[in-house]
């Protein structure tokens, strides 16, 4: 998948042509020079701004990976705490039986 992404994004202009020819909500367009855009926000449209674009997948896939990793951390922590609690309970029962 990395090879596919590298070839079609960096080696050819197929992805850019497809993304710029279709108007859909799956891409985010923002000024390339954000500071310049903020400074020149006087309402004049005489200067042409360059825009950058990022696809929805470039945001969604890393967010999905991070959320799944966080979920796995919670699951592992919960099972560890549950095992420690059951070990503590068995030690308490053994102690109570001895006395």
PDB file of N, CA and C in Angstrom:
ATOM      1  N   UNK A   1       0.824  -1.187   0.000  1.00  0.00           N
ATOM      2  CA  UNK A   1       0.000   0.000   0.000  1.00  0.00           C
ATOM      3  C   UNK A   1       0.873   1.257   0.000  1.00  0.00           C
ATOM      4  N   UNK A   2       2.007   1.189   0.690  1.00  0.00           N
ATOM      5  CA  UNK A   2       2.916   2.335   0.702  1.00  0.00           C
ATOM      6  C   UNK A   2       3.497   2.570  -0.689  1.00  0.00           C
ATOM      7  N   UNK A   3       3.841   1.476  -1.365  1.00  0.00           N
ATOM      8  CA  UNK A   3       4.389   1.613  -2.722  1.00  0.00           C
ATOM      9  C   UNK A   3       3.338   2.226  -3.644  1.00  0.00           C
ATOM     10  N   UNK A   4       2.119   1.754  -3.558  1.00  0.00           N
ATOM     11  CA  UNK A   4       1.026   2.312  -4.362  1.00  0.00           C
ATOM     12  C   UNK A   4       0.867   3.800  -4.092  1.00  0.00           C
ATOM     13  N   UNK A   5       0.854   4.179  -2.830  1.00  0.00           N
ATOM     14  CA  UNK A   5       0.680   5.575  -2.459  1.00  0.00           C
ATOM     15  C   UNK A   5       1.831   6.424  -2.984  1.00  0.00           C
ATOM     16  N   UNK A   6       3.049   5.954  -2.808  1.00  0.00           N
ATOM     17  CA  UNK A   6       4.220   6.718  -3.268  1.00  0.00           C
ATOM     18  C   UNK A   6       4.218   6.876  -4.779  1.00  0.00           C
ATOM     19  N   UNK A   7       3.887   5.816  -5.508  1.00  0.00           N
ATOM     20  CA  UNK A   7       3.903   5.898  -6.972  1.00  0.00           C
ATOM     21  C   UNK A   7       2.828   6.841  -7.469  1.00  0.00           C
ATOM     22  N   UNK A   8       1.611   6.701  -6.984  1.00  0.00           N
ATOM     23  CA  UNK A   8       0.521   7.498  -7.523  1.00  0.00           C
ATOM     24  C   UNK A   8       0.451   8.919  -6.974  1.00  0.00           C
ATOM     25  N   UNK A   9       1.108   9.189  -5.869  1.00  0.00           N
ATOM     26  CA  UNK A   9       1.100  10.559  -5.344  1.00  0.00           C
ATOM     27  C   UNK A   9       2.332  11.328  -5.790  1.00  0.00           C
ATOM     28  N   UNK A  10       3.499  10.716  -5.684  1.00  0.00           N
ATOM     29  CA  UNK A  10       4.733  11.453  -5.954  1.00  0.00           C
ATOM     30  C   UNK A  10       5.261  11.261  -7.375  1.00  0.00           C
ATOM     31  N   UNK A  11       5.077  10.091  -7.979  1.00  0.00           N
ATOM     32  CA  UNK A  11       5.660   9.828  -9.288  1.00  0.00           C
ATOM     33  C   UNK A  11       4.737  10.210 -10.438  1.00  0.00           C
ATOM     34  N   UNK A  12       3.458  10.302 -10.196  1.00  0.00           N
ATOM     35  CA  UNK A  12       2.534  10.678 -11.264  1.00  0.00           C
ATOM     36  C   UNK A  12       1.566  11.732 -10.728  1.00  0.00           C
ATOM     37  N   UNK A  13       0.854  12.331 -11.652  1.00  0.00           N
ATOM     38  CA  UNK A  13      -0.101  13.371 -11.247  1.00  0.00           C
ATOM     39  C   UNK A  13      -1.545  12.869 -11.324  1.00  0.00           C
ATOM     40  N   UNK A  14      -1.737  11.570 -11.282  1.00  0.00           N
ATOM     41  CA  UNK A  14      -3.078  10.989 -11.367  1.00  0.00           C
ATOM     42  C   UNK A  14      -3.938  11.409 -10.182  1.00  0.00           C
ATOM     43  N   UNK A  15      -3.395  11.291  -8.987  1.00  0.00           N
ATOM     44  CA  UNK A  15      -4.176  11.631  -7.784  1.00  0.00           C
ATOM     45  C   UNK A  15      -4.559  13.109  -7.765  1.00  0.00           C
ATOM     46  N   UNK A  16      -3.654  13.974  -8.166  1.00  0.00           N
ATOM     47  CA  UNK A  16      -3.946  15.406  -8.168  1.00  0.00           C
ATOM     48  C   UNK A  16      -5.015  15.738  -9.202  1.00  0.00           C
ATOM     49  N   UNK A  17      -4.934  15.126 -10.372  1.00  0.00           N
ATOM     50  CA  UNK A  17      -5.953  15.369 -11.409  1.00  0.00           C
ATOM     51  C   UNK A  17      -7.330  14.924 -10.937  1.00  0.00           C
ATOM     52  N   UNK A  18      -7.380  13.748 -10.332  1.00  0.00           N
ATOM     53  CA  UNK A  18      -8.672  13.235  -9.851  1.00  0.00           C
ATOM     54  C   UNK A  18      -9.212  14.121  -8.730  1.00  0.00           C
ATOM     55  N   UNK A  19      -8.356  14.516  -7.802  1.00  0.00           N
ATOM     56  CA  UNK A  19      -8.809  15.306  -6.655  1.00  0.00           C
ATOM     57  C   UNK A  19      -9.229  16.715  -7.057  1.00  0.00           C
ATOM     58  N   UNK A  20      -8.556  17.300  -8.040  1.00  0.00           N
ATOM     59  CA  UNK A  20      -8.915  18.666  -8.425  1.00  0.00           C
ATOM     60  C   UNK A  20     -10.060  18.714  -9.418  1.00  0.00           C
ATOM     61  N   UNK A  21     -10.314  17.623 -10.141  1.00  0.00           N
ATOM     62  CA  UNK A  21     -11.393  17.653 -11.128  1.00  0.00           C
ATOM     63  C   UNK A  21     -12.754  17.362 -10.510  1.00  0.00           C
ATOM     64  N   UNK A  22     -12.783  16.735  -9.376  1.00  0.00           N
ATOM     65  CA  UNK A  22     -14.055  16.370  -8.740  1.00  0.00           C
ATOM     66  C   UNK A  22     -14.283  17.269  -7.533  1.00  0.00           C
ATOM     67  N   UNK A  23     -15.453  17.859  -7.468  1.00  0.00           N
ATOM     68  CA  UNK A  23     -15.820  18.669  -6.307  1.00  0.00           C
ATOM     69  C   UNK A  23     -16.604  17.792  -5.342  1.00  0.00           C
ATOM     70  N   UNK A  24     -15.946  17.355  -4.305  1.00  0.00           N
ATOM     71  CA  UNK A  24     -16.612  16.507  -3.322  1.00  0.00           C
ATOM     72  C   UNK A  24     -16.131  16.885  -1.929  1.00  0.00           C
ATOM     73  N   UNK A  25     -16.836  16.444  -0.912  1.00  0.00           N
ATOM     74  CA  UNK A  25     -16.443  16.811   0.460  1.00  0.00           C
ATOM     75  C   UNK A  25     -15.318  15.949   1.018  1.00  0.00           C
ATOM     76  N   UNK A  26     -14.616  15.199   0.179  1.00  0.00           N
ATOM     77  CA  UNK A  26     -13.575  14.296   0.650  1.00  0.00           C
ATOM     78  C   UNK A  26     -12.192  14.926   0.632  1.00  0.00           C
ATOM     79  N   UNK A  27     -12.118  16.230   0.450  1.00  0.00           N
ATOM     80  CA  UNK A  27     -10.826  16.904   0.471  1.00  0.00           C
ATOM     81  C   UNK A  27     -10.969  18.231   1.209  1.00  0.00           C
ATOM     82  N   UNK A  28      -9.891  18.651   1.799  1.00  0.00           N
ATOM     83  CA  UNK A  28      -9.852  19.920   2.516  1.00  0.00           C
ATOM     84  C   UNK A  28      -8.870  20.830   1.790  1.00  0.00           C
ATOM     85  N   UNK A  29      -9.308  22.025   1.459  1.00  0.00           N
ATOM     86  CA  UNK A  29      -8.463  22.981   0.763  1.00  0.00           C
ATOM     87  C   UNK A  29      -8.204  24.142   1.708  1.00  0.00           C
ATOM     88  N   UNK A  30      -6.930  24.519   1.830  1.00  0.00           N
ATOM     89  CA  UNK A  30      -6.560  25.629   2.688  1.00  0.00           C
ATOM     90  C   UNK A  30      -5.394  26.371   2.053  1.00  0.00           C
ATOM     91  N   UNK A  31      -5.198  27.647   2.403  1.00  0.00           N
ATOM     92  CA  UNK A  31      -4.104  28.416   1.803  1.00  0.00           C
ATOM     93  C   UNK A  31      -2.747  27.805   2.130  1.00  0.00           C
ATOM     94  N   UNK A  32      -1.855  27.826   1.138  1.00  0.00           N
ATOM     95  CA  UNK A  32      -0.512  27.279   1.348  1.00  0.00           C
ATOM     96  C   UNK A  32       0.249  28.092   2.388  1.00  0.00           C
ATOM     97  N   UNK A  33       0.165  29.388   2.268  1.00  0.00           N
ATOM     98  CA  UNK A  33       0.826  30.257   3.230  1.00  0.00           C
ATOM     99  C   UNK A  33      -0.251  30.849   4.131  1.00  0.00           C
ATOM    100  N   UNK A  34      -0.511  30.173   5.232  1.00  0.00           N
ATOM    101  CA  UNK A  34      -1.610  30.560   6.102  1.00  0.00           C
ATOM    102  C   UNK A  34      -1.383  31.931   6.730  1.00  0.00           C
ATOM    103  N   UNK A  35      -0.149  32.236   7.097  1.00  0.00           N
ATOM    104  CA  UNK A  35       0.162  33.539   7.692  1.00  0.00           C
ATOM    105  C   UNK A  35      -0.094  34.665   6.706  1.00  0.00           C
ATOM    106  N   UNK A  36       0.287  34.460   5.454  1.00  0.00           N
ATOM    107  CA  UNK A  36       0.047  35.468   4.421  1.00  0.00           C
ATOM    108  C   UNK A  36      -1.449  35.656   4.197  1.00  0.00           C
ATOM    109  N   UNK A  37      -2.196  34.569   4.240  1.00  0.00           N
ATOM    110  CA  UNK A  37      -3.644  34.654   4.051  1.00  0.00           C
ATOM    111  C   UNK A  37      -4.308  35.412   5.193  1.00  0.00           C
ATOM    112  N   UNK A  38      -3.807  35.223   6.413  1.00  0.00           N
ATOM    113  CA  UNK A  38      -4.374  35.930   7.564  1.00  0.00           C
ATOM    114  C   UNK A  38      -4.031  37.411   7.506  1.00  0.00           C
ATOM    115  N   UNK A  39      -2.800  37.723   7.141  1.00  0.00           N
ATOM    116  CA  UNK A  39      -2.371  39.118   7.067  1.00  0.00           C
ATOM    117  C   UNK A  39      -3.084  39.878   5.951  1.00  0.00           C
ATOM    118  N   UNK A  40      -3.399  39.193   4.844  1.00  0.00           N
ATOM    119  CA  UNK A  40      -4.049  39.867   3.722  1.00  0.00           C
ATOM    120  C   UNK A  40      -5.551  39.646   3.731  1.00  0.00           C
ATOM    121  N   UNK A  41      -6.136  39.485   4.879  1.00  0.00           N
ATOM    122  CA  UNK A  41      -7.578  39.257   4.962  1.00  0.00           C
ATOM    123  C   UNK A  41      -8.349  40.568   5.044  1.00  0.00           C
ATOM    124  N   UNK A  42      -7.916  41.542   4.231  1.00  0.00           N
ATOM    125  CA  UNK A  42      -8.607  42.825   4.209  1.00  0.00           C
ATOM    126  C   UNK A  42      -9.783  42.834   3.245  1.00  0.00           C
ATOM    127  N   UNK A  43     -10.039  41.682   2.633  1.00  0.00           N
ATOM    128  CA  UNK A  43     -11.174  41.586   1.729  1.00  0.00           C
ATOM    129  C   UNK A  43     -10.803  41.742   0.276  1.00  0.00           C
ATOM    130  N   UNK A  44      -9.577  42.110  -0.012  1.00  0.00           N
ATOM    131  CA  UNK A  44      -9.183  42.271  -1.407  1.00  0.00           C
ATOM    132  C   UNK A  44      -8.876  40.912  -2.019  1.00  0.00           C
ATOM    133  N   UNK A  45      -9.335  40.713  -3.235  1.00  0.00           N
ATOM    134  CA  UNK A  45      -9.089  39.449  -3.924  1.00  0.00           C
ATOM    135  C   UNK A  45      -8.186  39.665  -5.128  1.00  0.00           C
ATOM    136  N   UNK A  46      -7.376  40.731  -5.090  1.00  0.00           N
ATOM    137  CA  UNK A  46      -6.534  41.027  -6.243  1.00  0.00           C
ATOM    138  C   UNK A  46      -5.364  40.069  -6.361  1.00  0.00           C
ATOM    139  N   UNK A  47      -4.817  39.624  -5.239  1.00  0.00           N
ATOM    140  CA  UNK A  47      -3.680  38.709  -5.297  1.00  0.00           C
ATOM    141  C   UNK A  47      -4.181  37.266  -5.311  1.00  0.00           C
ATOM    142  N   UNK A  48      -3.587  36.462  -6.184  1.00  0.00           N
ATOM    143  CA  UNK A  48      -3.968  35.061  -6.299  1.00  0.00           C
ATOM    144  C   UNK A  48      -3.277  34.271  -5.197  1.00  0.00           C
ATOM    145  N   UNK A  49      -4.042  33.471  -4.479  1.00  0.00           N
ATOM    146  CA  UNK A  49      -3.472  32.649  -3.413  1.00  0.00           C
ATOM    147  C   UNK A  49      -3.275  31.233  -3.922  1.00  0.00           C
ATOM    148  N   UNK A  50      -2.195  30.601  -3.470  1.00  0.00           N
ATOM    149  CA  UNK A  50      -1.977  29.193  -3.760  1.00  0.00           C
ATOM    150  C   UNK A  50      -2.624  28.379  -2.652  1.00  0.00           C
ATOM    151  N   UNK A  51      -3.250  27.309  -3.054  1.00  0.00           N
ATOM    152  CA  UNK A  51      -3.940  26.459  -2.090  1.00  0.00           C
ATOM    153  C   UNK A  51      -3.287  25.087  -2.037  1.00  0.00           C
ATOM    154  N   UNK A  52      -3.320  24.503  -0.872  1.00  0.00           N
ATOM    155  CA  UNK A  52      -2.890  23.124  -0.683  1.00  0.00           C
ATOM    156  C   UNK A  52      -4.125  22.291  -0.380  1.00  0.00           C
ATOM    157  N   UNK A  53      -4.029  21.017  -0.649  1.00  0.00           N
ATOM    158  CA  UNK A  53      -5.173  20.177  -0.377  1.00  0.00           C
ATOM    159  C   UNK A  53      -4.707  18.906   0.321  1.00  0.00           C
ATOM    160  N   UNK A  54      -5.559  18.443   1.209  1.00  0.00           N
ATOM    161  CA  UNK A  54      -5.295  17.195   1.915  1.00  0.00           C
ATOM    162  C   UNK A  54      -6.561  16.353   1.816  1.00  0.00           C
ATOM    163  N   UNK A  55      -6.382  15.087   1.560  1.00  0.00           N
ATOM    164  CA  UNK A  55      -7.526  14.206   1.394  1.00  0.00           C
ATOM    165  C   UNK A  55      -8.088  13.751   2.725  1.00  0.00           C
ATOM    166  N   UNK A  56      -9.312  13.312   2.671  1.00  0.00           N
ATOM    167  CA  UNK A  56      -9.988  12.822   3.869  1.00  0.00           C
ATOM    168  C   UNK A  56      -9.274  11.597   4.430  1.00  0.00           C
ATOM    169  N   UNK A  57      -8.743  10.765   3.548  1.00  0.00           N
ATOM    170  CA  UNK A  57      -8.023   9.571   3.987  1.00  0.00           C
ATOM    171  C   UNK A  57      -6.747   9.896   4.734  1.00  0.00           C
ATOM    172  N   UNK A  58      -6.126  11.030   4.406  1.00  0.00           N
ATOM    173  CA  UNK A  58      -4.906  11.436   5.099  1.00  0.00           C
ATOM    174  C   UNK A  58      -5.180  11.836   6.543  1.00  0.00           C
ATOM    175  N   UNK A  59      -6.409  12.131   6.853  1.00  0.00           N
ATOM    176  CA  UNK A  59      -6.797  12.458   8.219  1.00  0.00           C
ATOM    177  C   UNK A  59      -7.437  11.246   8.890  1.00  0.00           C
ATOM    178  N   UNK A  60      -8.272  10.540   8.142  1.00  0.00           N
ATOM    179  CA  UNK A  60      -9.052   9.443   8.717  1.00  0.00           C
ATOM    180  C   UNK A  60      -8.194   8.238   9.094  1.00  0.00           C
ATOM    181  N   UNK A  61      -7.299   7.823   8.231  1.00  0.00           N
ATOM    182  CA  UNK A  61      -6.514   6.605   8.476  1.00  0.00           C
ATOM    183  C   UNK A  61      -5.607   6.763   9.700  1.00  0.00           C
ATOM    184  N   UNK A  62      -4.825   7.858   9.858  1.00  0.00           N
ATOM    185  CA  UNK A  62      -4.041   7.995  11.090  1.00  0.00           C
ATOM    186  C   UNK A  62      -4.902   8.122  12.346  1.00  0.00           C
ATOM    187  N   UNK A  63      -6.044   8.783  12.234  1.00  0.00           N
ATOM    188  CA  UNK A  63      -6.935   8.896  13.390  1.00  0.00           C
ATOM    189  C   UNK A  63      -7.508   7.537  13.773  1.00  0.00           C
ATOM    190  N   UNK A  64      -7.824   6.723  12.772  1.00  0.00           N
ATOM    191  CA  UNK A  64      -8.311   5.374  13.034  1.00  0.00           C
ATOM    192  C   UNK A  64      -7.233   4.538  13.722  1.00  0.00           C
ATOM    193  N   UNK A  65      -5.997   4.646  13.242  1.00  0.00           N
ATOM    194  CA  UNK A  65      -4.891   3.918  13.852  1.00  0.00           C
ATOM    195  C   UNK A  65      -4.681   4.347  15.308  1.00  0.00           C
ATOM    196  N   UNK A  66      -4.727   5.650  15.561  1.00  0.00           N
ATOM    197  CA  UNK A  66      -4.540   6.140  16.932  1.00  0.00           C
ATOM    198  C   UNK A  66      -5.679   5.700  17.843  1.00  0.00           C
ATOM    199  N   UNK A  67      -6.911   5.733  17.351  1.00  0.00           N
ATOM    200  CA  UNK A  67      -8.037   5.330  18.196  1.00  0.00           C
ATOM    201  C   UNK A  67      -8.002   3.831  18.492  1.00  0.00           C
ATOM    202  N   UNK A  68      -7.604   3.018  17.525  1.00  0.00           N
ATOM    203  CA  UNK A  68      -7.499   1.585  17.771  1.00  0.00           C
ATOM    204  C   UNK A  68      -6.362   1.266  18.741  1.00  0.00           C
ATOM    205  N   UNK A  69      -5.250   2.005  18.634  1.00  0.00           N
ATOM    206  CA  UNK A  69      -4.146   1.800  19.574  1.00  0.00           C
ATOM    207  C   UNK A  69      -4.565   2.192  20.985  1.00  0.00           C
ATOM    208  N   UNK A  70      -5.306   3.283  21.121  1.00  0.00           N
ATOM    209  CA  UNK A  70      -5.792   3.703  22.432  1.00  0.00           C
ATOM    210  C   UNK A  70      -6.761   2.680  23.008  1.00  0.00           C
ATOM    211  N   UNK A  71      -7.625   2.148  22.173  1.00  0.00           N
ATOM    212  CA  UNK A  71      -8.560   1.124  22.637  1.00  0.00           C
ATOM    213  C   UNK A  71      -7.816  -0.120  23.109  1.00  0.00           C
ATOM    214  N   UNK A  72      -6.782  -0.505  22.369  1.00  0.00           N
ATOM    215  CA  UNK A  72      -5.995  -1.671  22.770  1.00  0.00           C
ATOM    216  C   UNK A  72      -5.286  -1.416  24.100  1.00  0.00           C
ATOM    217  N   UNK A  73      -4.797  -0.201  24.308  1.00  0.00           N
ATOM    218  CA  UNK A  73      -4.181   0.141  25.590  1.00  0.00           C
ATOM    219  C   UNK A  73      -5.182   0.026  26.736  1.00  0.00           C
ATOM    220  N   UNK A  74      -6.401   0.518  26.515  1.00  0.00           N
ATOM    221  CA  UNK A  74      -7.430   0.425  27.555  1.00  0.00           C
ATOM    222  C   UNK A  74      -7.772  -1.026  27.868  1.00  0.00           C
ATOM    223  N   UNK A  75      -7.890  -1.838  26.829  1.00  0.00           N
ATOM    224  CA  UNK A  75      -8.216  -3.249  27.038  1.00  0.00           C
ATOM    225  C   UNK A  75      -7.111  -3.951  27.816  1.00  0.00           C
ATOM    226  N   UNK A  76      -5.862  -3.711  27.433  1.00  0.00           N
ATOM    227  CA  UNK A  76      -4.742  -4.354  28.132  1.00  0.00           C
ATOM    228  C   UNK A  76      -4.647  -3.876  29.580  1.00  0.00           C
ATOM    229  N   UNK A  77      -4.875  -2.579  29.812  1.00  0.00           N
ATOM    230  CA  UNK A  77      -4.830  -2.065  31.182  1.00  0.00           C
ATOM    231  C   UNK A  77      -5.958  -2.659  32.014  1.00  0.00           C
ATOM    232  N   UNK A  78      -7.145  -2.779  31.441  1.00  0.00           N
ATOM    233  CA  UNK A  78      -8.286  -3.336  32.171  1.00  0.00           C
ATOM    234  C   UNK A  78      -8.032  -4.789  32.542  1.00  0.00           C
ATOM    235  N   UNK A  79      -7.504  -5.578  31.614  1.00  0.00           N
ATOM    236  CA  UNK A  79      -7.251  -6.984  31.923  1.00  0.00           C
ATOM    237  C   UNK A  79      -6.142  -7.137  32.956  1.00  0.00           C
ATOM    238  N   UNK A  80      -5.151  -6.250  32.915  1.00  0.00           N
ATOM    239  CA  UNK A  80      -4.084  -6.304  33.915  1.00  0.00           C
ATOM    240  C   UNK A  80      -4.623  -5.965  35.306  1.00  0.00           C
ATOM    241  N   UNK A  81      -5.445  -4.917  35.393  1.00  0.00           N
ATOM    242  CA  UNK A  81      -6.028  -4.533  36.682  1.00  0.00           C
ATOM    243  C   UNK A  81      -6.958  -5.629  37.191  1.00  0.00           C
ATOM    244  N   UNK A  82      -7.725  -6.230  36.289  1.00  0.00           N
ATOM    245  CA  UNK A  82      -8.630  -7.304  36.685  1.00  0.00           C
ATOM    246  C   UNK A  82      -7.850  -8.506  37.222  1.00  0.00           C
ATOM    247  N   UNK A  83      -6.731  -8.842  36.583  1.00  0.00           N
ATOM    248  CA  UNK A  83      -5.907  -9.965  37.051  1.00  0.00           C
ATOM    249  C   UNK A  83      -5.285  -9.646  38.409  1.00  0.00           C
ATOM    250  N   UNK A  84      -4.828  -8.416  38.601  1.00  0.00           N
ATOM    251  CA  UNK A  84      -4.251  -8.032  39.891  1.00  0.00           C
ATOM    252  C   UNK A  84      -5.297  -8.070  40.994  1.00  0.00           C
ATOM    253  N   UNK A  85      -6.504  -7.628  40.670  1.00  0.00           N
ATOM    254  CA  UNK A  85      -7.559  -7.641  41.688  1.00  0.00           C
ATOM    255  C   UNK A  85      -7.930  -9.065  42.068  1.00  0.00           C
ATOM    256  N   UNK A  86      -7.999  -9.963  41.094  1.00  0.00           N
ATOM    257  CA  UNK A  86      -8.338 -11.344  41.423  1.00  0.00           C
ATOM    258  C   UNK A  86      -7.198 -12.001  42.206  1.00  0.00           C
ATOM    259  N   UNK A  87      -5.955 -11.636  41.899  1.00  0.00           N
ATOM    260  CA  UNK A  87      -4.827 -12.163  42.670  1.00  0.00           C
ATOM    261  C   UNK A  87      -4.878 -11.644  44.103  1.00  0.00           C
ATOM    262  N   UNK A  88      -5.212 -10.389  44.293  1.00  0.00           N
ATOM    263  CA  UNK A  88      -5.319  -9.814  45.637  1.00  0.00           C
ATOM    264  C   UNK A  88      -6.456 -10.480  46.422  1.00  0.00           C
ATOM    265  N   UNK A  89      -7.570 -10.728  45.752  1.00  0.00           N
ATOM    266  CA  UNK A  89      -8.698 -11.380  46.423  1.00  0.00           C
ATOM    267  C   UNK A  89      -8.338 -12.795  46.859  1.00  0.00           C
ATOM    268  N   UNK A  90      -7.619 -13.527  46.022  1.00  0.00           N
ATOM    269  CA  UNK A  90      -7.243 -14.890  46.406  1.00  0.00           C
ATOM    270  C   UNK A  90      -6.255 -14.870  47.567  1.00  0.00           C
ATOM    271  N   UNK A  91      -5.366 -13.878  47.618  1.00  0.00           N
ATOM    272  CA  UNK A  91      -4.446 -13.754  48.746  1.00  0.00           C
ATOM    273  C   UNK A  91      -5.197 -13.419  50.028  1.00  0.00           C
ATOM    274  N   UNK A  92      -6.213 -12.552  49.916  1.00  0.00           N
ATOM    275  CA  UNK A  92      -7.007 -12.202  51.084  1.00  0.00           C
ATOM    276  C   UNK A  92      -7.769 -13.421  51.598  1.00  0.00           C
ATOM    277  N   UNK A  93      -8.305 -14.239  50.703  1.00  0.00           N
ATOM    278  CA  UNK A  93      -9.033 -15.440  51.111  1.00  0.00           C
ATOM    279  C   UNK A  93      -8.094 -16.430  51.815  1.00  0.00           C
ATOM    280  N   UNK A  94      -6.887 -16.587  51.274  1.00  0.00           N
ATOM    281  CA  UNK A  94      -5.919 -17.489  51.890  1.00  0.00           C
ATOM    282  C   UNK A  94      -5.533 -16.988  53.288  1.00  0.00           C
ATOM    283  N   UNK A  95      -5.375 -15.679  53.429  1.00  0.00           N
ATOM    284  CA  UNK A  95      -5.016 -15.096  54.710  1.00  0.00           C
ATOM    285  C   UNK A  95      -6.139 -15.296  55.724  1.00  0.00           C
ATOM    286  N   UNK A  96      -7.394 -15.086  55.263  1.00  0.00           N
ATOM    287  CA  UNK A  96      -8.532 -15.245  56.159  1.00  0.00           C
ATOM    288  C   UNK A  96      -8.736 -16.701  56.565  1.00  0.00           C
ATOM    289  N   UNK A  97      -8.439 -17.626  55.692  1.00  0.00           N
ATOM    290  CA  UNK A  97      -8.593 -19.037  56.017  1.00  0.00           C
ATOM    291  C   UNK A  97      -7.537 -19.480  57.031  1.00  0.00           C
ATOM    292  N   UNK A  98      -6.361 -18.881  57.001  1.00  0.00           N
ATOM    293  CA  UNK A  98      -5.306 -19.250  57.925  1.00  0.00           C
ATOM    294  C   UNK A  98      -5.620 -18.743  59.338  1.00  0.00           C
ATOM    295  N   UNK A  99      -6.324 -17.661  59.457  1.00  0.00           N
ATOM    296  CA  UNK A  99      -6.629 -17.088  60.785  1.00  0.00           C
ATOM    297  C   UNK A  99      -7.928 -17.563  61.266  1.00  0.00           C
TER     298      UNK A  99
END
